[in-house]
Structure formats: structure tokens, C-alpha cells
Amino acid sequence: MPKMKTRRAAAKRYSLTGNGKVKYKKKGLRHILTKKSGNRKRKLGKPGILSPVETKRIKILLPYLN
């Protein structure tokens, strides 16, 4: 039986934590930063955790990270 292919775009955007949650980088911290408050920029720098429903969808795309 052949190996399953990992979706490379998903592998670059998401990673798994030790407990099996899916971690991602939040959007909105690349440009147009002058109008955003420091508090908002600080929160955008922290990783986000996907909801359990979205986690199921992403784990299908990443077969070898489960």
C-alpha cells in the first residue's frame, strides 16, 4: 500500500501541540501596523489554537502528524 501524501500547504501553516491540539499563526501582523494598538499586535503575535471541529478537518490533511 502506498504512503499517504501530506498536504504541504497545511503542513507549513499548522503544527500539533503535545496534547493533540492544532496551533497556527494568526493573520494581520505583516503590514499596516501603525493603526493597530500595541495590545492588539502583542495578541496577534501569540499562536492561535483551532477549535475541535476545525482540528478534525486539519488532521485529515496531515496524516503523519496524528
C-alpha atoms as a PDB file:
ATOM      1  CA  MET A   1       0.000   0.000   0.000  1.00  0.00           C
ATOM      2  CA  PRO A   2       1.475   3.399  -0.949  1.00  0.00           C
ATOM      3  CA  LYS A   3       2.182   6.118   1.548  1.00  0.00           C
ATOM      4  CA  MET A   4      -0.425   8.812   2.101  1.00  0.00           C
ATOM      5  CA  LYS A   5       0.556  12.271   0.919  1.00  0.00           C
ATOM      6  CA  THR A   6       0.675  15.166   3.350  1.00  0.00           C
ATOM      7  CA  ARG A   7      -0.849  18.423   2.110  1.00  0.00           C
ATOM      8  CA  ARG A   8       2.262  20.578   2.102  1.00  0.00           C
ATOM      9  CA  ALA A   9       0.363  23.868   2.375  1.00  0.00           C
ATOM     10  CA  ALA A  10      -1.324  22.644   5.558  1.00  0.00           C
ATOM     11  CA  ALA A  11       1.946  21.291   6.965  1.00  0.00           C
ATOM     12  CA  LYS A  12       3.546  24.725   6.594  1.00  0.00           C
ATOM     13  CA  ARG A  13       0.670  26.546   8.303  1.00  0.00           C
ATOM     14  CA  TYR A  14      -0.268  24.238  11.170  1.00  0.00           C
ATOM     15  CA  SER A  15       1.570  22.255  13.831  1.00  0.00           C
ATOM     16  CA  LEU A  16       0.396  19.962  16.595  1.00  0.00           C
ATOM     17  CA  THR A  17       0.895  20.530  20.305  1.00  0.00           C
ATOM     18  CA  GLY A  18       1.749  17.748  22.725  1.00  0.00           C
ATOM     19  CA  ASN A  19      -1.912  17.287  23.652  1.00  0.00           C
ATOM     20  CA  GLY A  20      -3.020  16.979  20.024  1.00  0.00           C
ATOM     21  CA  LYS A  21      -4.370  20.493  19.561  1.00  0.00           C
ATOM     22  CA  VAL A  22      -3.634  22.321  16.315  1.00  0.00           C
ATOM     23  CA  LYS A  23      -1.577  25.508  16.564  1.00  0.00           C
ATOM     24  CA  TYR A  24      -1.425  28.219  13.883  1.00  0.00           C
ATOM     25  CA  LYS A  25      -0.053  31.718  13.340  1.00  0.00           C
ATOM     26  CA  LYS A  26      -2.613  34.493  13.428  1.00  0.00           C
ATOM     27  CA  LYS A  27      -3.086  36.802  10.467  1.00  0.00           C
ATOM     28  CA  GLY A  28      -2.773  40.569  10.431  1.00  0.00           C
ATOM     29  CA  LEU A  29       0.778  41.185  11.648  1.00  0.00           C
ATOM     30  CA  ARG A  30       2.593  41.700   8.324  1.00  0.00           C
ATOM     31  CA  HIS A  31       1.814  45.277   7.296  1.00  0.00           C
ATOM     32  CA  ILE A  32      -0.337  48.322   8.134  1.00  0.00           C
ATOM     33  CA  LEU A  33       0.779  48.095  11.748  1.00  0.00           C
ATOM     34  CA  THR A  34       0.614  51.800  12.606  1.00  0.00           C
ATOM     35  CA  LYS A  35      -3.159  51.855  13.097  1.00  0.00           C
ATOM     36  CA  LYS A  36      -3.158  48.731  15.297  1.00  0.00           C
ATOM     37  CA  SER A  37      -2.704  49.156  19.023  1.00  0.00           C
ATOM     38  CA  GLY A  38       0.258  47.638  20.813  1.00  0.00           C
ATOM     39  CA  ASN A  39      -2.060  45.388  22.786  1.00  0.00           C
ATOM     40  CA  ARG A  40      -3.619  44.061  19.576  1.00  0.00           C
ATOM     41  CA  LYS A  41      -0.229  43.461  17.934  1.00  0.00           C
ATOM     42  CA  ARG A  42       1.005  41.642  21.023  1.00  0.00           C
ATOM     43  CA  LYS A  43      -2.010  39.314  20.962  1.00  0.00           C
ATOM     44  CA  LEU A  44      -1.569  38.676  17.230  1.00  0.00           C
ATOM     45  CA  GLY A  45       1.995  37.514  17.868  1.00  0.00           C
ATOM     46  CA  LYS A  46       0.855  34.659  20.090  1.00  0.00           C
ATOM     47  CA  PRO A  47      -0.126  31.367  18.419  1.00  0.00           C
ATOM     48  CA  GLY A  48      -3.793  30.526  17.993  1.00  0.00           C
ATOM     49  CA  ILE A  49      -5.446  27.194  18.809  1.00  0.00           C
ATOM     50  CA  LEU A  50      -8.050  25.766  16.437  1.00  0.00           C
ATOM     51  CA  SER A  51     -11.472  24.693  17.643  1.00  0.00           C
ATOM     52  CA  PRO A  52     -12.117  20.922  17.939  1.00  0.00           C
ATOM     53  CA  VAL A  53     -14.310  20.923  14.808  1.00  0.00           C
ATOM     54  CA  GLU A  54     -11.605  22.556  12.696  1.00  0.00           C
ATOM     55  CA  THR A  55      -8.980  20.276  14.254  1.00  0.00           C
ATOM     56  CA  LYS A  56     -10.689  17.216  12.777  1.00  0.00           C
ATOM     57  CA  ARG A  57     -10.588  18.771   9.296  1.00  0.00           C
ATOM     58  CA  ILE A  58      -6.908  19.686   9.514  1.00  0.00           C
ATOM     59  CA  LYS A  59      -5.811  16.303  10.874  1.00  0.00           C
ATOM     60  CA  ILE A  60      -7.170  14.684   7.698  1.00  0.00           C
ATOM     61  CA  LEU A  61      -4.721  16.820   5.697  1.00  0.00           C
ATOM     62  CA  LEU A  62      -1.804  15.901   7.982  1.00  0.00           C
ATOM     63  CA  PRO A  63      -1.935  12.090   8.183  1.00  0.00           C
ATOM     64  CA  TYR A  64       1.515  11.536   9.741  1.00  0.00           C
ATOM     65  CA  LEU A  65       1.261  14.177  12.463  1.00  0.00           C
ATOM     66  CA  ASN A  66      -1.601  12.495  14.330  1.00  0.00           C
END
